Amino acid sequence: MLRNKRSVWNRKKYQREVNKIVRKWNKAIADDWLWNARFVLHQYDAYFWPYEDKSGATFNVWLEFTDTKTGAQEIMDFNNYDLDWRLGEWLNRCITEYWKVWDEVPNPNEQARLEGRTPD
């Protein structure tokens, strides 16, 4: 089976877009005064589906979000059309609902204040 060079190029293009978004979120979490690099986002897997009429493609990616303090992990799939906005919503849901980080004693905000990491 011959490969369509355009499909290969599109896969790389979509992968670069995902890498850029993941780097942006990891940097934002690392620079955040409250979370202080506590959470890390990694790509778990990806799959590329070009359309039969060659009008475009869908790129699905599975991302793993890890809490480095507790070791908790969540994996979720996204496609290239809604990755950036759904990712922020999912990260927030992991922190607040699934892992219940705010139920810790002391809570992260209080811990940051005690360690002197609050914003100026």
PDB file of N, CA and C in Angstrom:
ATOM      1  N   MET A   1       0.846  -1.189   0.000  1.00  0.00           N
ATOM      2  CA  MET A   1       0.000   0.000   0.000  1.00  0.00           C
ATOM      3  C   MET A   1       0.881   1.238   0.000  1.00  0.00           C
ATOM      4  N   LEU A   2       0.626   2.131  -0.912  1.00  0.00           N
ATOM      5  CA  LEU A   2       1.412   3.358  -1.011  1.00  0.00           C
ATOM      6  C   LEU A   2       0.929   4.383  -0.011  1.00  0.00           C
ATOM      7  N   ARG A   3       1.854   5.102   0.530  1.00  0.00           N
ATOM      8  CA  ARG A   3       1.504   6.158   1.479  1.00  0.00           C
ATOM      9  C   ARG A   3       1.250   7.461   0.753  1.00  0.00           C
ATOM     10  N   ASN A   4       0.288   8.163   1.227  1.00  0.00           N
ATOM     11  CA  ASN A   4       0.025   9.501   0.715  1.00  0.00           C
ATOM     12  C   ASN A   4       0.936  10.452   1.486  1.00  0.00           C
ATOM     13  N   LYS A   5       1.868  11.115   0.798  1.00  0.00           N
ATOM     14  CA  LYS A   5       2.825  11.982   1.481  1.00  0.00           C
ATOM     15  C   LYS A   5       2.119  13.104   2.220  1.00  0.00           C
ATOM     16  N   ARG A   6       1.008  13.563   1.692  1.00  0.00           N
ATOM     17  CA  ARG A   6       0.282  14.638   2.357  1.00  0.00           C
ATOM     18  C   ARG A   6      -0.259  14.170   3.714  1.00  0.00           C
ATOM     19  N   SER A   7      -0.745  12.929   3.793  1.00  0.00           N
ATOM     20  CA  SER A   7      -1.251  12.397   5.054  1.00  0.00           C
ATOM     21  C   SER A   7      -0.148  12.307   6.095  1.00  0.00           C
ATOM     22  N   VAL A   8       1.035  11.876   5.672  1.00  0.00           N
ATOM     23  CA  VAL A   8       2.151  11.788   6.599  1.00  0.00           C
ATOM     24  C   VAL A   8       2.505  13.181   7.097  1.00  0.00           C
ATOM     25  N   TRP A   9       2.526  14.146   6.210  1.00  0.00           N
ATOM     26  CA  TRP A   9       2.856  15.516   6.599  1.00  0.00           C
ATOM     27  C   TRP A   9       1.800  16.047   7.564  1.00  0.00           C
ATOM     28  N   ASN A  10       0.513  15.764   7.300  1.00  0.00           N
ATOM     29  CA  ASN A  10      -0.537  16.233   8.190  1.00  0.00           C
ATOM     30  C   ASN A  10      -0.415  15.615   9.568  1.00  0.00           C
ATOM     31  N   ARG A  11      -0.056  14.341   9.646  1.00  0.00           N
ATOM     32  CA  ARG A  11       0.113  13.696  10.946  1.00  0.00           C
ATOM     33  C   ARG A  11       1.191  14.412  11.741  1.00  0.00           C
ATOM     34  N   LYS A  12       2.292  14.724  11.092  1.00  0.00           N
ATOM     35  CA  LYS A  12       3.381  15.436  11.770  1.00  0.00           C
ATOM     36  C   LYS A  12       2.928  16.828  12.197  1.00  0.00           C
ATOM     37  N   LYS A  13       2.137  17.458  11.347  1.00  0.00           N
ATOM     38  CA  LYS A  13       1.631  18.789  11.678  1.00  0.00           C
ATOM     39  C   LYS A  13       0.740  18.730  12.925  1.00  0.00           C
ATOM     40  N   TYR A  14      -0.165  17.774  12.959  1.00  0.00           N
ATOM     41  CA  TYR A  14      -1.046  17.623  14.118  1.00  0.00           C
ATOM     42  C   TYR A  14      -0.248  17.272  15.373  1.00  0.00           C
ATOM     43  N   GLN A  15       0.763  16.403  15.218  1.00  0.00           N
ATOM     44  CA  GLN A  15       1.591  16.025  16.364  1.00  0.00           C
ATOM     45  C   GLN A  15       2.345  17.234  16.911  1.00  0.00           C
ATOM     46  N   ARG A  16       2.843  18.089  16.018  1.00  0.00           N
ATOM     47  CA  ARG A  16       3.536  19.303  16.467  1.00  0.00           C
ATOM     48  C   ARG A  16       2.589  20.216  17.240  1.00  0.00           C
ATOM     49  N   GLU A  17       1.347  20.329  16.774  1.00  0.00           N
ATOM     50  CA  GLU A  17       0.367  21.157  17.470  1.00  0.00           C
ATOM     51  C   GLU A  17       0.093  20.613  18.876  1.00  0.00           C
ATOM     52  N   VAL A  18      -0.051  19.298  18.999  1.00  0.00           N
ATOM     53  CA  VAL A  18      -0.279  18.676  20.305  1.00  0.00           C
ATOM     54  C   VAL A  18       0.922  18.911  21.213  1.00  0.00           C
ATOM     55  N   ASN A  19       2.134  18.707  20.680  1.00  0.00           N
ATOM     56  CA  ASN A  19       3.344  18.920  21.478  1.00  0.00           C
ATOM     57  C   ASN A  19       3.417  20.354  21.996  1.00  0.00           C
ATOM     58  N   LYS A  20       3.053  21.300  21.161  1.00  0.00           N
ATOM     59  CA  LYS A  20       3.083  22.710  21.549  1.00  0.00           C
ATOM     60  C   LYS A  20       2.096  22.980  22.692  1.00  0.00           C
ATOM     61  N   ILE A  21       0.908  22.418  22.601  1.00  0.00           N
ATOM     62  CA  ILE A  21      -0.110  22.620  23.635  1.00  0.00           C
ATOM     63  C   ILE A  21       0.309  21.958  24.945  1.00  0.00           C
ATOM     64  N   VAL A  22       0.846  20.737  24.872  1.00  0.00           N
ATOM     65  CA  VAL A  22       1.291  20.038  26.081  1.00  0.00           C
ATOM     66  C   VAL A  22       2.433  20.799  26.751  1.00  0.00           C
ATOM     67  N   ARG A  23       3.384  21.289  25.960  1.00  0.00           N
ATOM     68  CA  ARG A  23       4.487  22.084  26.531  1.00  0.00           C
ATOM     69  C   ARG A  23       3.958  23.340  27.204  1.00  0.00           C
ATOM     70  N   LYS A  24       2.973  23.993  26.566  1.00  0.00           N
ATOM     71  CA  LYS A  24       2.398  25.217  27.128  1.00  0.00           C
ATOM     72  C   LYS A  24       1.765  24.948  28.489  1.00  0.00           C
ATOM     73  N   TRP A  25       0.988  23.858  28.601  1.00  0.00           N
ATOM     74  CA  TRP A  25       0.321  23.533  29.861  1.00  0.00           C
ATOM     75  C   TRP A  25       1.324  23.115  30.932  1.00  0.00           C
ATOM     76  N   ASN A  26       2.335  22.321  30.551  1.00  0.00           N
ATOM     77  CA  ASN A  26       3.349  21.921  31.530  1.00  0.00           C
ATOM     78  C   ASN A  26       4.129  23.125  32.044  1.00  0.00           C
ATOM     79  N   LYS A  27       4.442  24.067  31.152  1.00  0.00           N
ATOM     80  CA  LYS A  27       5.157  25.270  31.574  1.00  0.00           C
ATOM     81  C   LYS A  27       4.279  26.122  32.491  1.00  0.00           C
ATOM     82  N   ALA A  28       3.000  26.232  32.161  1.00  0.00           N
ATOM     83  CA  ALA A  28       2.089  27.019  32.997  1.00  0.00           C
ATOM     84  C   ALA A  28       1.975  26.418  34.399  1.00  0.00           C
ATOM     85  N   ILE A  29       1.914  25.100  34.492  1.00  0.00           N
ATOM     86  CA  ILE A  29       1.828  24.439  35.800  1.00  0.00           C
ATOM     87  C   ILE A  29       3.152  24.573  36.556  1.00  0.00           C
ATOM     88  N   ALA A  30       4.264  24.474  35.838  1.00  0.00           N
ATOM     89  CA  ALA A  30       5.581  24.588  36.484  1.00  0.00           C
ATOM     90  C   ALA A  30       5.814  25.999  37.025  1.00  0.00           C
ATOM     91  N   ASP A  31       5.337  27.011  36.301  1.00  0.00           N
ATOM     92  CA  ASP A  31       5.547  28.400  36.713  1.00  0.00           C
ATOM     93  C   ASP A  31       4.501  28.903  37.693  1.00  0.00           C
ATOM     94  N   ASP A  32       3.458  28.131  37.922  1.00  0.00           N
ATOM     95  CA  ASP A  32       2.371  28.572  38.776  1.00  0.00           C
ATOM     96  C   ASP A  32       2.798  28.590  40.242  1.00  0.00           C
ATOM     97  N   TRP A  33       2.519  29.658  40.927  1.00  0.00           N
ATOM     98  CA  TRP A  33       2.943  29.777  42.339  1.00  0.00           C
ATOM     99  C   TRP A  33       2.208  28.795  43.240  1.00  0.00           C
ATOM    100  N   LEU A  34       0.998  28.411  42.864  1.00  0.00           N
ATOM    101  CA  LEU A  34       0.221  27.511  43.705  1.00  0.00           C
ATOM    102  C   LEU A  34       0.620  26.042  43.496  1.00  0.00           C
ATOM    103  N   TRP A  35       0.695  25.612  42.243  1.00  0.00           N
ATOM    104  CA  TRP A  35       0.959  24.192  41.977  1.00  0.00           C
ATOM    105  C   TRP A  35       2.435  23.873  41.931  1.00  0.00           C
ATOM    106  N   ASN A  36       3.281  24.817  41.603  1.00  0.00           N
ATOM    107  CA  ASN A  36       4.732  24.659  41.715  1.00  0.00           C
ATOM    108  C   ASN A  36       5.227  23.334  41.113  1.00  0.00           C
ATOM    109  N   ALA A  37       4.809  23.042  39.879  1.00  0.00           N
ATOM    110  CA  ALA A  37       5.221  21.847  39.124  1.00  0.00           C
ATOM    111  C   ALA A  37       4.774  20.537  39.777  1.00  0.00           C
ATOM    112  N   ARG A  38       3.689  20.573  40.518  1.00  0.00           N
ATOM    113  CA  ARG A  38       3.190  19.350  41.162  1.00  0.00           C
ATOM    114  C   ARG A  38       2.562  18.387  40.157  1.00  0.00           C
ATOM    115  N   PHE A  39       2.005  18.909  39.078  1.00  0.00           N
ATOM    116  CA  PHE A  39       1.316  18.081  38.085  1.00  0.00           C
ATOM    117  C   PHE A  39       2.104  18.071  36.775  1.00  0.00           C
ATOM    118  N   VAL A  40       2.076  16.918  36.078  1.00  0.00           N
ATOM    119  CA  VAL A  40       2.786  16.772  34.811  1.00  0.00           C
ATOM    120  C   VAL A  40       1.847  16.131  33.799  1.00  0.00           C
ATOM    121  N   LEU A  41       1.915  16.610  32.577  1.00  0.00           N
ATOM    122  CA  LEU A  41       1.089  16.119  31.482  1.00  0.00           C
ATOM    123  C   LEU A  41       1.991  15.452  30.444  1.00  0.00           C
ATOM    124  N   HIS A  42       1.648  14.216  30.035  1.00  0.00           N
ATOM    125  CA  HIS A  42       2.416  13.484  29.032  1.00  0.00           C
ATOM    126  C   HIS A  42       1.472  12.906  27.987  1.00  0.00           C
ATOM    127  N   GLN A  43       1.991  12.746  26.770  1.00  0.00           N
ATOM    128  CA  GLN A  43       1.212  12.053  25.750  1.00  0.00           C
ATOM    129  C   GLN A  43       1.360  10.559  25.964  1.00  0.00           C
ATOM    130  N   TYR A  44       0.236   9.878  26.030  1.00  0.00           N
ATOM    131  CA  TYR A  44       0.212   8.442  26.266  1.00  0.00           C
ATOM    132  C   TYR A  44       0.193   7.675  24.945  1.00  0.00           C
ATOM    133  N   ASP A  45      -0.622   8.135  23.995  1.00  0.00           N
ATOM    134  CA  ASP A  45      -0.750   7.475  22.704  1.00  0.00           C
ATOM    135  C   ASP A  45      -1.409   8.437  21.726  1.00  0.00           C
ATOM    136  N   ALA A  46      -1.341   8.122  20.439  1.00  0.00           N
ATOM    137  CA  ALA A  46      -1.980   8.963  19.423  1.00  0.00           C
ATOM    138  C   ALA A  46      -2.377   8.096  18.234  1.00  0.00           C
ATOM    139  N   TYR A  47      -3.399   8.553  17.529  1.00  0.00           N
ATOM    140  CA  TYR A  47      -3.845   7.851  16.336  1.00  0.00           C
ATOM    141  C   TYR A  47      -4.318   8.857  15.309  1.00  0.00           C
ATOM    142  N   PHE A  48      -3.958   8.611  14.041  1.00  0.00           N
ATOM    143  CA  PHE A  48      -4.254   9.523  12.945  1.00  0.00           C
ATOM    144  C   PHE A  48      -5.225   8.863  11.973  1.00  0.00           C
ATOM    145  N   TRP A  49      -6.346   9.535  11.683  1.00  0.00           N
ATOM    146  CA  TRP A  49      -7.344   9.029  10.739  1.00  0.00           C
ATOM    147  C   TRP A  49      -7.519  10.020   9.601  1.00  0.00           C
ATOM    148  N   PRO A  50      -6.909   9.784   8.434  1.00  0.00           N
ATOM    149  CA  PRO A  50      -7.195  10.656   7.282  1.00  0.00           C
ATOM    150  C   PRO A  50      -8.556  10.295   6.689  1.00  0.00           C
ATOM    151  N   TYR A  51      -9.271  11.292   6.208  1.00  0.00           N
ATOM    152  CA  TYR A  51     -10.572  11.058   5.585  1.00  0.00           C
ATOM    153  C   TYR A  51     -10.371  10.398   4.225  1.00  0.00           C
ATOM    154  N   GLU A  52     -11.321   9.553   3.826  1.00  0.00           N
ATOM    155  CA  GLU A  52     -11.207   8.836   2.551  1.00  0.00           C
ATOM    156  C   GLU A  52     -11.160   9.773   1.358  1.00  0.00           C
ATOM    157  N   ASP A  53     -11.867  10.895   1.434  1.00  0.00           N
ATOM    158  CA  ASP A  53     -11.869  11.834   0.308  1.00  0.00           C
ATOM    159  C   ASP A  53     -10.678  12.791   0.354  1.00  0.00           C
ATOM    160  N   LYS A  54      -9.767  12.585   1.294  1.00  0.00           N
ATOM    161  CA  LYS A  54      -8.542  13.362   1.462  1.00  0.00           C
ATOM    162  C   LYS A  54      -8.795  14.849   1.721  1.00  0.00           C
ATOM    163  N   SER A  55      -9.951  15.140   2.306  1.00  0.00           N
ATOM    164  CA  SER A  55     -10.279  16.533   2.605  1.00  0.00           C
ATOM    165  C   SER A  55      -9.720  16.986   3.952  1.00  0.00           C
ATOM    166  N   GLY A  56      -9.222  16.060   4.724  1.00  0.00           N
ATOM    167  CA  GLY A  56      -8.685  16.403   6.036  1.00  0.00           C
ATOM    168  C   GLY A  56      -8.441  15.142   6.835  1.00  0.00           C
ATOM    169  N   ALA A  57      -8.325  15.308   8.137  1.00  0.00           N
ATOM    170  CA  ALA A  57      -8.042  14.168   9.000  1.00  0.00           C
ATOM    171  C   ALA A  57      -8.433  14.499  10.425  1.00  0.00           C
ATOM    172  N   THR A  58      -8.510  13.463  11.230  1.00  0.00           N
ATOM    173  CA  THR A  58      -8.716  13.618  12.656  1.00  0.00           C
ATOM    174  C   THR A  58      -7.514  13.002  13.360  1.00  0.00           C
ATOM    175  N   PHE A  59      -7.015  13.705  14.337  1.00  0.00           N
ATOM    176  CA  PHE A  59      -5.868  13.228  15.105  1.00  0.00           C
ATOM    177  C   PHE A  59      -6.313  13.104  16.551  1.00  0.00           C
ATOM    178  N   ASN A  60      -6.405  11.874  17.029  1.00  0.00           N
ATOM    179  CA  ASN A  60      -6.778  11.639  18.429  1.00  0.00           C
ATOM    180  C   ASN A  60      -5.524  11.401  19.242  1.00  0.00           C
ATOM    181  N   VAL A  61      -5.512  11.960  20.432  1.00  0.00           N
ATOM    182  CA  VAL A  61      -4.361  11.820  21.313  1.00  0.00           C
ATOM    183  C   VAL A  61      -4.855  11.474  22.713  1.00  0.00           C
ATOM    184  N   TRP A  62      -4.158  10.551  23.371  1.00  0.00           N
ATOM    185  CA  TRP A  62      -4.469  10.190  24.747  1.00  0.00           C
ATOM    186  C   TRP A  62      -3.400  10.818  25.625  1.00  0.00           C
ATOM    187  N   LEU A  63      -3.848  11.615  26.577  1.00  0.00           N
ATOM    188  CA  LEU A  63      -2.931  12.314  27.464  1.00  0.00           C
ATOM    189  C   LEU A  63      -3.054  11.780  28.882  1.00  0.00           C
ATOM    190  N   GLU A  64      -1.911  11.695  29.551  1.00  0.00           N
ATOM    191  CA  GLU A  64      -1.858  11.215  30.923  1.00  0.00           C
ATOM    192  C   GLU A  64      -1.472  12.393  31.820  1.00  0.00           C
ATOM    193  N   PHE A  65      -2.283  12.634  32.818  1.00  0.00           N
ATOM    194  CA  PHE A  65      -2.060  13.717  33.776  1.00  0.00           C
ATOM    195  C   PHE A  65      -1.696  13.072  35.105  1.00  0.00           C
ATOM    196  N   THR A  66      -0.534  13.434  35.663  1.00  0.00           N
ATOM    197  CA  THR A  66      -0.015  12.791  36.860  1.00  0.00           C
ATOM    198  C   THR A  66       0.201  13.802  37.976  1.00  0.00           C
ATOM    199  N   ASP A  67      -0.213  13.433  39.172  1.00  0.00           N
ATOM    200  CA  ASP A  67       0.071  14.206  40.377  1.00  0.00           C
ATOM    201  C   ASP A  67       1.356  13.634  40.958  1.00  0.00           C
ATOM    202  N   THR A  68       2.448  14.382  40.889  1.00  0.00           N
ATOM    203  CA  THR A  68       3.742  13.862  41.328  1.00  0.00           C
ATOM    204  C   THR A  68       3.823  13.695  42.840  1.00  0.00           C
ATOM    205  N   LYS A  69       2.970  14.387  43.585  1.00  0.00           N
ATOM    206  CA  LYS A  69       2.991  14.266  45.047  1.00  0.00           C
ATOM    207  C   LYS A  69       2.356  12.959  45.512  1.00  0.00           C
ATOM    208  N   THR A  70       1.223  12.590  44.914  1.00  0.00           N
ATOM    209  CA  THR A  70       0.501  11.388  45.350  1.00  0.00           C
ATOM    210  C   THR A  70       0.651  10.208  44.392  1.00  0.00           C
ATOM    211  N   GLY A  71       1.082  10.476  43.146  1.00  0.00           N
ATOM    212  CA  GLY A  71       1.205   9.415  42.152  1.00  0.00           C
ATOM    213  C   GLY A  71      -0.088   9.100  41.425  1.00  0.00           C
ATOM    214  N   ALA A  72      -1.142   9.854  41.687  1.00  0.00           N
ATOM    215  CA  ALA A  72      -2.430   9.627  41.015  1.00  0.00           C
ATOM    216  C   ALA A  72      -2.303   9.958  39.530  1.00  0.00           C
ATOM    217  N   GLN A  73      -2.994   9.176  38.691  1.00  0.00           N
ATOM    218  CA  GLN A  73      -2.943   9.372  37.244  1.00  0.00           C
ATOM    219  C   GLN A  73      -4.332   9.284  36.640  1.00  0.00           C
ATOM    220  N   GLU A  74      -4.547  10.056  35.597  1.00  0.00           N
ATOM    221  CA  GLU A  74      -5.774   9.983  34.799  1.00  0.00           C
ATOM    222  C   GLU A  74      -5.369  10.039  33.336  1.00  0.00           C
ATOM    223  N   ILE A  75      -6.040   9.251  32.495  1.00  0.00           N
ATOM    224  CA  ILE A  75      -5.795   9.262  31.055  1.00  0.00           C
ATOM    225  C   ILE A  75      -7.102   9.637  30.372  1.00  0.00           C
ATOM    226  N   MET A  76      -7.004  10.540  29.396  1.00  0.00           N
ATOM    227  CA  MET A  76      -8.199  10.998  28.670  1.00  0.00           C
ATOM    228  C   MET A  76      -7.834  11.183  27.208  1.00  0.00           C
ATOM    229  N   ASP A  77      -8.793  10.923  26.327  1.00  0.00           N
ATOM    230  CA  ASP A  77      -8.543  11.119  24.902  1.00  0.00           C
ATOM    231  C   ASP A  77      -9.138  12.436  24.432  1.00  0.00           C
ATOM    232  N   PHE A  78      -8.444  13.048  23.477  1.00  0.00           N
ATOM    233  CA  PHE A  78      -8.853  14.318  22.875  1.00  0.00           C
ATOM    234  C   PHE A  78      -8.647  14.216  21.382  1.00  0.00           C
ATOM    235  N   ASN A  79      -9.365  15.033  20.621  1.00  0.00           N
ATOM    236  CA  ASN A  79      -9.054  15.128  19.202  1.00  0.00           C
ATOM    237  C   ASN A  79      -8.500  16.518  18.914  1.00  0.00           C
ATOM    238  N   ASN A  80      -7.986  16.691  17.702  1.00  0.00           N
ATOM    239  CA  ASN A  80      -7.299  17.930  17.369  1.00  0.00           C
ATOM    240  C   ASN A  80      -8.231  19.142  17.312  1.00  0.00           C
ATOM    241  N   TYR A  81      -9.533  18.958  17.313  1.00  0.00           N
ATOM    242  CA  TYR A  81     -10.455  20.082  17.179  1.00  0.00           C
ATOM    243  C   TYR A  81     -10.759  20.778  18.507  1.00  0.00           C
ATOM    244  N   ASP A  82     -10.670  20.049  19.608  1.00  0.00           N
ATOM    245  CA  ASP A  82     -11.063  20.649  20.887  1.00  0.00           C
ATOM    246  C   ASP A  82     -10.025  20.449  21.980  1.00  0.00           C
ATOM    247  N   LEU A  83      -8.807  20.156  21.597  1.00  0.00           N
ATOM    248  CA  LEU A  83      -7.784  19.799  22.584  1.00  0.00           C
ATOM    249  C   LEU A  83      -7.531  20.901  23.599  1.00  0.00           C
ATOM    250  N   ASP A  84      -7.249  22.099  23.156  1.00  0.00           N
ATOM    251  CA  ASP A  84      -6.792  23.142  24.075  1.00  0.00           C
ATOM    252  C   ASP A  84      -7.843  23.513  25.116  1.00  0.00           C
ATOM    253  N   TRP A  85      -9.080  23.777  24.707  1.00  0.00           N
ATOM    254  CA  TRP A  85     -10.084  24.210  25.696  1.00  0.00           C
ATOM    255  C   TRP A  85     -10.583  23.053  26.545  1.00  0.00           C
ATOM    256  N   ARG A  86     -10.725  21.852  25.969  1.00  0.00           N
ATOM    257  CA  ARG A  86     -11.167  20.708  26.771  1.00  0.00           C
ATOM    258  C   ARG A  86     -10.094  20.259  27.741  1.00  0.00           C
ATOM    259  N   LEU A  87      -8.834  20.444  27.371  1.00  0.00           N
ATOM    260  CA  LEU A  87      -7.737  20.037  28.232  1.00  0.00           C
ATOM    261  C   LEU A  87      -7.750  20.831  29.541  1.00  0.00           C
ATOM    262  N   GLY A  88      -7.927  22.126  29.465  1.00  0.00           N
ATOM    263  CA  GLY A  88      -7.987  22.943  30.673  1.00  0.00           C
ATOM    264  C   GLY A  88      -9.135  22.545  31.575  1.00  0.00           C
ATOM    265  N   GLU A  89     -10.273  22.267  30.974  1.00  0.00           N
ATOM    266  CA  GLU A  89     -11.444  21.831  31.734  1.00  0.00           C
ATOM    267  C   GLU A  89     -11.175  20.491  32.424  1.00  0.00           C
ATOM    268  N   TRP A  90     -10.532  19.571  31.706  1.00  0.00           N
ATOM    269  CA  TRP A  90     -10.239  18.248  32.258  1.00  0.00           C
ATOM    270  C   TRP A  90      -9.204  18.323  33.384  1.00  0.00           C
ATOM    271  N   LEU A  91      -8.155  19.140  33.206  1.00  0.00           N
ATOM    272  CA  LEU A  91      -7.139  19.281  34.251  1.00  0.00           C
ATOM    273  C   LEU A  91      -7.769  19.826  35.525  1.00  0.00           C
ATOM    274  N   ASN A  92      -8.636  20.804  35.382  1.00  0.00           N
ATOM    275  CA  ASN A  92      -9.317  21.371  36.542  1.00  0.00           C
ATOM    276  C   ASN A  92     -10.185  20.312  37.233  1.00  0.00           C
ATOM    277  N   ARG A  93     -10.892  19.504  36.441  1.00  0.00           N
ATOM    278  CA  ARG A  93     -11.742  18.461  37.001  1.00  0.00           C
ATOM    279  C   ARG A  93     -10.911  17.409  37.736  1.00  0.00           C
ATOM    280  N   CYS A  94      -9.748  17.058  37.195  1.00  0.00           N
ATOM    281  CA  CYS A  94      -8.870  16.096  37.875  1.00  0.00           C
ATOM    282  C   CYS A  94      -8.447  16.621  39.239  1.00  0.00           C
ATOM    283  N   ILE A  95      -8.048  17.882  39.292  1.00  0.00           N
ATOM    284  CA  ILE A  95      -7.543  18.465  40.532  1.00  0.00           C
ATOM    285  C   ILE A  95      -8.660  18.629  41.559  1.00  0.00           C
ATOM    286  N   THR A  96      -9.816  19.108  41.128  1.00  0.00           N
ATOM    287  CA  THR A  96     -10.871  19.451  42.088  1.00  0.00           C
ATOM    288  C   THR A  96     -11.821  18.316  42.424  1.00  0.00           C
ATOM    289  N   GLU A  97     -12.151  17.453  41.452  1.00  0.00           N
ATOM    290  CA  GLU A  97     -13.164  16.429  41.682  1.00  0.00           C
ATOM    291  C   GLU A  97     -12.602  15.023  41.841  1.00  0.00           C
ATOM    292  N   TYR A  98     -11.719  14.605  40.921  1.00  0.00           N
ATOM    293  CA  TYR A  98     -11.246  13.220  40.955  1.00  0.00           C
ATOM    294  C   TYR A  98     -10.268  12.981  42.095  1.00  0.00           C
ATOM    295  N   TRP A  99      -9.293  13.866  42.243  1.00  0.00           N
ATOM    296  CA  TRP A  99      -8.247  13.658  43.249  1.00  0.00           C
ATOM    297  C   TRP A  99      -8.522  14.406  44.545  1.00  0.00           C
ATOM    298  N   LYS A 100      -9.456  15.325  44.522  1.00  0.00           N
ATOM    299  CA  LYS A 100      -9.851  16.090  45.719  1.00  0.00           C
ATOM    300  C   LYS A 100      -8.642  16.720  46.423  1.00  0.00           C
ATOM    301  N   VAL A 101      -7.833  17.402  45.624  1.00  0.00           N
ATOM    302  CA  VAL A 101      -6.619  18.036  46.132  1.00  0.00           C
ATOM    303  C   VAL A 101      -6.949  19.081  47.197  1.00  0.00           C
ATOM    304  N   TRP A 102      -8.087  19.762  47.058  1.00  0.00           N
ATOM    305  CA  TRP A 102      -8.430  20.823  48.010  1.00  0.00           C
ATOM    306  C   TRP A 102      -8.859  20.271  49.369  1.00  0.00           C
ATOM    307  N   ASP A 103      -9.088  18.958  49.464  1.00  0.00           N
ATOM    308  CA  ASP A 103      -9.446  18.353  50.751  1.00  0.00           C
ATOM    309  C   ASP A 103      -8.222  18.026  51.606  1.00  0.00           C
ATOM    310  N   GLU A 104      -7.031  18.179  51.023  1.00  0.00           N
ATOM    311  CA  GLU A 104      -5.810  17.890  51.773  1.00  0.00           C
ATOM    312  C   GLU A 104      -5.652  18.885  52.918  1.00  0.00           C
ATOM    313  N   VAL A 105      -4.965  18.458  53.971  1.00  0.00           N
ATOM    314  CA  VAL A 105      -4.703  19.345  55.099  1.00  0.00           C
ATOM    315  C   VAL A 105      -3.194  19.490  55.225  1.00  0.00           C
ATOM    316  N   PRO A 106      -2.615  20.678  55.154  1.00  0.00           N
ATOM    317  CA  PRO A 106      -3.279  21.922  54.783  1.00  0.00           C
ATOM    318  C   PRO A 106      -3.564  21.941  53.281  1.00  0.00           C
ATOM    319  N   ASN A 107      -4.551  22.717  52.871  1.00  0.00           N
ATOM    320  CA  ASN A 107      -4.882  22.766  51.450  1.00  0.00           C
ATOM    321  C   ASN A 107      -3.736  23.455  50.696  1.00  0.00           C
ATOM    322  N   PRO A 108      -3.654  23.261  49.366  1.00  0.00           N
ATOM    323  CA  PRO A 108      -2.521  23.789  48.600  1.00  0.00           C
ATOM    324  C   PRO A 108      -2.313  25.292  48.744  1.00  0.00           C
ATOM    325  N   ASN A 109      -3.388  26.050  48.857  1.00  0.00           N
ATOM    326  CA  ASN A 109      -3.256  27.494  48.994  1.00  0.00           C
ATOM    327  C   ASN A 109      -2.587  27.849  50.328  1.00  0.00           C
ATOM    328  N   GLU A 110      -2.993  27.190  51.385  1.00  0.00           N
ATOM    329  CA  GLU A 110      -2.408  27.423  52.710  1.00  0.00           C
ATOM    330  C   GLU A 110      -0.951  26.955  52.741  1.00  0.00           C
ATOM    331  N   GLN A 111      -0.669  25.823  52.100  1.00  0.00           N
ATOM    332  CA  GLN A 111       0.692  25.307  52.043  1.00  0.00           C
ATOM    333  C   GLN A 111       1.613  26.271  51.299  1.00  0.00           C
ATOM    334  N   ALA A 112       1.134  26.832  50.199  1.00  0.00           N
ATOM    335  CA  ALA A 112       1.932  27.804  49.437  1.00  0.00           C
ATOM    336  C   ALA A 112       2.220  29.038  50.284  1.00  0.00           C
ATOM    337  N   ARG A 113       1.235  29.481  51.055  1.00  0.00           N
ATOM    338  CA  ARG A 113       1.426  30.648  51.917  1.00  0.00           C
ATOM    339  C   ARG A 113       2.461  30.363  52.992  1.00  0.00           C
ATOM    340  N   LEU A 114       2.408  29.171  53.577  1.00  0.00           N
ATOM    341  CA  LEU A 114       3.367  28.792  54.606  1.00  0.00           C
ATOM    342  C   LEU A 114       4.791  28.698  54.066  1.00  0.00           C
ATOM    343  N   GLU A 115       4.927  28.266  52.808  1.00  0.00           N
ATOM    344  CA  GLU A 115       6.235  28.144  52.189  1.00  0.00           C
ATOM    345  C   GLU A 115       6.712  29.441  51.560  1.00  0.00           C
ATOM    346  N   GLY A 116       5.893  30.483  51.601  1.00  0.00           N
ATOM    347  CA  GLY A 116       6.279  31.782  51.044  1.00  0.00           C
ATOM    348  C   GLY A 116       6.237  31.827  49.530  1.00  0.00           C
ATOM    349  N   ARG A 117       5.371  31.032  48.902  1.00  0.00           N
ATOM    350  CA  ARG A 117       5.286  30.993  47.437  1.00  0.00           C
ATOM    351  C   ARG A 117       4.132  31.816  46.894  1.00  0.00           C
ATOM    352  N   THR A 118       3.500  32.639  47.683  1.00  0.00           N
ATOM    353  CA  THR A 118       2.358  33.415  47.209  1.00  0.00           C
ATOM    354  C   THR A 118       2.821  34.516  46.269  1.00  0.00           C
ATOM    355  N   PRO A 119       1.955  34.947  45.357  1.00  0.00           N
ATOM    356  CA  PRO A 119       2.346  36.008  44.426  1.00  0.00           C
ATOM    357  C   PRO A 119       2.552  37.325  45.166  1.00  0.00           C
ATOM    358  N   ASP A 120       3.382  38.167  44.599  1.00  0.00           N
ATOM    359  CA  ASP A 120       3.669  39.467  45.228  1.00  0.00           C
ATOM    360  C   ASP A 120       2.504  40.396  45.195  1.00  0.00           C
TER     361      ASP A 120
END
